[in-house]
Amino acid sequence: MTLVLATLPVETQEAVASTRERVAALHAELPRNDLVVWTAGNVSERVPATAPEVPGLMVIKPSGVSYDELTAESMVVCTLDGVKIVDGTPDTLTPSSDTAAHAYVYSHMPEVGGVVHTHSTYATAWAARGQEIPCVLTMMADEFGGPVPVGPFAVIGDDSIGRGIVETLEGHRSPAVLMQNHGPFTIGRDGRAAVKAAVMVEEVARTVHISRQLGEPLPIEQHLIDSLYDRYQNVYGQR
């Protein structure tokens, strides 16, 4: 049975509204950074918990709607089973075809607050070959803590992609996975962090590809990767 947003606590309705605003704004970053074409790709974010009786919720892009038509009101709200549509404006909007994958990640990785999927050119090219991106850049050590792994082949329609994402990234420092023959999925503490990871994985996929045209890239020793990752994650930037 479909839940109705208006029947949920006011605090939940307010959390949904603010999450919709953020997710709509974050979608603009995908075409801005040349990560998507046409209506491909999506961003989702977990709605902050407001009351124990309210089921877990997420906000995600509607299916097949162009990026220049997206608004906060058009974002679709779902429970974390990825099936029940809680609210949508207009009511005919349905969630992304990748909703089940996003929902599975949220249900099995409680530390994740945002998920992004793109078909960005270079990262998807590595995925098409089923090959991880080796850690040969300090930028990769900083952001990914090692190579960007490859997840198993899975088809859209159920939670198979989500299961592949979770199985690949559990215990892995990388916030990105290249799903074989499909493309990159990224995770983060919120939607913005997941979008950043999507931008970064495309950048390193492009750079490492170009490097390989010139010769074999030089690997970075593991202890240096560990040191770079620790500095970037715990020291770099404003605290």
Protein backbone atom coordinates (compact mmCIF):
# COMPACT_ATOMS: atom_id res chain seq x y z
CA MET A 1 0.00 0.00 0.00
CA THR A 2 1.26 3.46 -0.91
CA LEU A 3 2.07 5.81 1.94
CA VAL A 4 0.85 9.40 1.69
CA LEU A 5 3.38 12.05 2.62
CA ALA A 6 0.74 14.33 4.13
CA THR A 7 -0.06 11.69 6.75
CA LEU A 8 3.52 11.51 8.05
CA PRO A 9 4.82 13.68 10.92
CA VAL A 10 5.50 17.34 10.14
CA GLU A 11 9.20 16.84 10.88
CA THR A 12 9.33 14.09 8.26
CA GLN A 13 7.54 16.24 5.69
CA GLU A 14 10.05 19.03 6.31
CA ALA A 15 12.99 16.60 6.00
CA VAL A 16 11.57 15.31 2.72
CA ALA A 17 11.15 18.85 1.36
CA SER A 18 14.73 19.84 2.14
CA THR A 19 16.08 16.58 0.72
CA ARG A 20 14.12 17.15 -2.48
CA GLU A 21 15.69 20.60 -2.83
CA ARG A 22 19.21 19.20 -2.40
CA VAL A 23 18.70 16.28 -4.77
CA ALA A 24 17.20 18.48 -7.49
CA ALA A 25 20.15 20.88 -7.23
CA LEU A 26 22.70 18.06 -7.29
CA HIS A 27 21.28 16.67 -10.53
CA ALA A 28 22.42 19.84 -12.28
CA GLU A 29 26.03 18.85 -11.48
CA LEU A 30 25.85 15.76 -13.68
CA PRO A 31 25.39 17.47 -17.08
CA ARG A 32 27.55 20.39 -15.88
CA ASN A 33 30.43 17.96 -15.42
CA ASP A 34 29.67 16.02 -18.64
CA LEU A 35 28.78 12.85 -16.75
CA VAL A 36 25.45 12.11 -18.46
CA VAL A 37 23.61 12.43 -21.77
CA TRP A 38 19.88 12.89 -22.36
CA THR A 39 17.99 11.43 -19.37
CA ALA A 40 20.60 8.87 -18.26
CA GLY A 41 21.95 8.86 -14.73
CA ASN A 42 20.48 9.68 -11.33
CA VAL A 43 21.19 11.01 -7.86
CA SER A 44 19.45 9.89 -4.69
CA GLU A 45 19.76 10.83 -1.04
CA ARG A 46 18.55 9.21 2.14
CA VAL A 47 15.96 11.28 4.03
CA PRO A 48 17.21 11.95 7.58
CA ALA A 49 15.37 9.87 10.17
CA THR A 50 12.84 11.92 12.14
CA ALA A 51 10.79 9.38 14.11
CA PRO A 52 11.14 5.64 14.84
CA GLU A 53 7.69 4.87 13.48
CA VAL A 54 8.50 6.37 10.05
CA PRO A 55 10.02 3.89 7.57
CA GLY A 56 13.32 4.69 5.93
CA LEU A 57 12.85 7.03 2.99
CA MET A 58 14.89 8.22 0.03
CA VAL A 59 14.50 10.83 -2.70
CA ILE A 60 15.48 10.00 -6.29
CA LYS A 61 15.14 11.34 -9.82
CA PRO A 62 11.98 10.46 -11.78
CA SER A 63 12.43 8.07 -14.67
CA GLY A 64 12.97 9.44 -18.16
CA VAL A 65 12.68 13.14 -17.30
CA SER A 66 15.23 15.50 -18.89
CA TYR A 67 17.60 17.37 -16.63
CA ASP A 68 16.35 20.81 -17.59
CA GLU A 69 12.84 19.80 -16.46
CA LEU A 70 13.84 18.59 -13.00
CA THR A 71 12.53 20.48 -9.99
CA ALA A 72 12.37 19.77 -6.28
CA GLU A 73 8.67 18.95 -6.70
CA SER A 74 9.39 16.40 -9.44
CA MET A 75 11.75 14.38 -7.26
CA VAL A 76 10.18 11.08 -6.22
CA VAL A 77 10.05 9.86 -2.61
CA CYS A 78 10.21 6.14 -1.89
CA THR A 79 10.50 3.83 1.05
CA LEU A 80 13.75 1.89 1.25
CA ASP A 81 12.16 -1.21 -0.20
CA GLY A 82 12.31 0.81 -3.42
CA VAL A 83 8.71 -0.02 -4.31
CA LYS A 84 6.25 2.11 -2.39
CA ILE A 85 5.99 5.59 -3.87
CA VAL A 86 5.37 7.93 -0.98
CA ASP A 87 4.80 11.11 -2.90
CA GLY A 88 5.31 12.60 -6.33
CA THR A 89 4.20 15.71 -8.18
CA PRO A 90 2.47 15.11 -10.45
CA ASP A 91 1.29 11.72 -9.20
CA THR A 92 2.06 10.09 -12.57
CA LEU A 93 5.84 10.42 -12.08
CA THR A 94 7.57 7.13 -11.39
CA PRO A 95 11.01 6.73 -9.81
CA SER A 96 14.22 5.96 -11.69
CA SER A 97 14.68 2.49 -13.11
CA ASP A 98 17.72 2.24 -10.80
CA THR A 99 15.62 2.78 -7.66
CA ALA A 100 15.93 -0.84 -6.49
CA ALA A 101 19.73 -0.61 -6.68
CA HIS A 102 19.83 2.62 -4.66
CA ALA A 103 17.38 1.26 -2.10
CA TYR A 104 19.40 -1.93 -1.61
CA VAL A 105 22.53 0.12 -0.91
CA TYR A 106 20.75 2.25 1.71
CA SER A 107 19.21 -0.82 3.34
CA HIS A 108 22.54 -2.64 3.64
CA MET A 109 25.03 0.21 4.13
CA PRO A 110 23.64 2.44 6.90
CA GLU A 111 26.63 4.78 6.69
CA VAL A 112 25.67 5.74 3.11
CA GLY A 113 23.51 8.84 2.68
CA GLY A 114 23.83 9.43 -1.06
CA VAL A 115 24.10 7.31 -4.23
CA VAL A 116 24.88 8.43 -7.80
CA HIS A 117 24.86 6.56 -11.10
CA THR A 118 26.20 7.88 -14.38
CA HIS A 119 27.34 6.58 -17.73
CA SER A 120 30.32 8.94 -17.88
CA THR A 121 32.43 8.08 -20.92
CA TYR A 122 35.83 7.05 -19.57
CA ALA A 123 34.65 5.33 -16.39
CA THR A 124 32.07 3.40 -18.42
CA ALA A 125 34.77 2.42 -20.92
CA TRP A 126 36.73 0.79 -18.09
CA ALA A 127 33.51 -0.91 -16.94
CA ALA A 128 32.91 -2.23 -20.47
CA ARG A 129 36.30 -3.95 -20.27
CA GLY A 130 35.60 -5.26 -16.78
CA GLN A 131 38.88 -3.77 -15.57
CA GLU A 132 39.55 -1.87 -12.35
CA ILE A 133 41.28 1.49 -12.53
CA PRO A 134 44.74 1.00 -10.96
CA CYS A 135 45.91 3.43 -8.28
CA VAL A 136 48.65 5.27 -10.16
CA LEU A 137 47.75 8.85 -9.16
CA THR A 138 48.04 10.60 -5.81
CA MET A 139 44.54 11.93 -6.52
CA MET A 140 43.31 8.33 -6.55
CA ALA A 141 45.09 7.53 -3.31
CA ASP A 142 43.49 10.61 -1.74
CA GLU A 143 39.93 10.03 -2.89
CA PHE A 144 39.65 6.26 -3.39
CA GLY A 145 42.34 4.85 -1.11
CA GLY A 146 43.43 2.43 -3.83
CA PRO A 147 42.12 1.17 -7.17
CA VAL A 148 38.53 1.68 -8.30
CA PRO A 149 37.05 -1.85 -8.24
CA VAL A 150 34.81 -3.59 -10.76
CA GLY A 151 31.48 -5.05 -9.73
CA PRO A 152 29.72 -8.01 -11.35
CA PHE A 153 27.48 -7.89 -14.38
CA ALA A 154 23.86 -7.35 -13.36
CA VAL A 155 20.71 -6.32 -15.18
CA ILE A 156 18.32 -3.49 -14.34
CA GLY A 157 14.93 -4.38 -12.89
CA ASP A 158 15.54 -5.79 -9.43
CA ASP A 159 18.11 -5.41 -6.67
CA SER A 160 20.85 -7.34 -8.52
CA ILE A 161 22.85 -4.18 -9.22
CA GLY A 162 22.49 -3.06 -5.62
CA ARG A 163 23.71 -6.43 -4.37
CA GLY A 164 26.74 -6.17 -6.65
CA ILE A 165 27.52 -2.67 -5.40
CA VAL A 166 27.31 -3.70 -1.74
CA GLU A 167 29.30 -6.91 -2.20
CA THR A 168 32.05 -5.01 -4.01
CA LEU A 169 32.31 -1.94 -1.78
CA GLU A 170 31.82 -3.51 1.66
CA GLY A 171 35.21 -3.31 3.36
CA HIS A 172 36.62 -1.28 0.45
CA ARG A 173 37.80 2.31 0.80
CA SER A 174 36.64 3.31 -2.66
CA PRO A 175 33.37 5.27 -2.85
CA ALA A 176 33.06 4.19 -6.50
CA VAL A 177 32.46 0.90 -8.26
CA LEU A 178 32.47 0.19 -11.99
CA MET A 179 29.60 -2.20 -12.62
CA GLN A 180 30.72 -4.44 -15.48
CA ASN A 181 29.26 -3.53 -18.88
CA HIS A 182 27.13 -0.85 -17.21
CA GLY A 183 28.91 2.09 -15.61
CA PRO A 184 29.97 3.75 -12.37
CA PHE A 185 27.97 3.93 -9.16
CA THR A 186 29.25 6.09 -6.32
CA ILE A 187 28.32 6.43 -2.67
CA GLY A 188 28.89 9.04 0.01
CA ARG A 189 27.83 10.27 3.42
CA ASP A 190 25.32 12.45 1.53
CA GLY A 191 24.33 13.20 -2.05
CA ARG A 192 26.98 15.88 -2.52
CA ALA A 193 29.78 13.51 -1.49
CA ALA A 194 28.48 10.87 -3.90
CA VAL A 195 28.37 13.43 -6.75
CA LYS A 196 31.95 14.47 -5.96
CA ALA A 197 33.01 10.82 -6.18
CA ALA A 198 31.25 10.55 -9.58
CA VAL A 199 33.14 13.58 -10.87
CA MET A 200 36.44 12.26 -9.50
CA VAL A 201 36.07 8.73 -10.87
CA GLU A 202 35.51 10.09 -14.37
CA GLU A 203 38.56 12.36 -14.03
CA VAL A 204 40.89 9.56 -12.96
CA ALA A 205 39.44 7.14 -15.52
CA ARG A 206 40.25 9.66 -18.27
CA THR A 207 43.71 10.49 -16.96
CA VAL A 208 44.79 6.88 -16.45
CA HIS A 209 43.47 5.96 -19.89
CA ILE A 210 45.53 8.73 -21.51
CA SER A 211 48.58 7.68 -19.48
CA ARG A 212 48.28 4.14 -20.78
CA GLN A 213 48.46 5.44 -24.35
CA LEU A 214 51.95 6.75 -23.56
CA GLY A 215 53.20 3.69 -21.69
CA GLU A 216 52.61 1.68 -18.55
CA PRO A 217 51.68 3.93 -15.59
CA LEU A 218 53.90 3.65 -12.52
CA PRO A 219 52.22 2.10 -9.47
CA ILE A 220 52.23 3.77 -6.04
CA GLU A 221 53.46 1.68 -3.13
CA GLN A 222 50.73 0.62 -0.72
CA HIS A 223 52.20 2.35 2.34
CA LEU A 224 52.25 5.63 0.41
CA ILE A 225 48.65 5.11 -0.71
CA ASP A 226 47.69 4.56 2.92
CA SER A 227 49.51 7.71 4.03
CA LEU A 228 48.00 9.86 1.28
CA TYR A 229 44.49 8.54 1.99
CA ASP A 230 44.81 9.23 5.72
CA ARG A 231 46.06 12.78 5.14
CA TYR A 232 43.34 13.63 2.65
CA GLN A 233 40.51 12.11 4.66
CA ASN A 234 41.58 13.41 8.08
CA VAL A 235 43.77 16.50 7.61
CA TYR A 236 43.09 18.15 4.23
CA GLY A 237 40.58 21.01 3.99
CA GLN A 238 38.62 22.90 6.58
CA ARG A 239 37.41 21.17 9.72
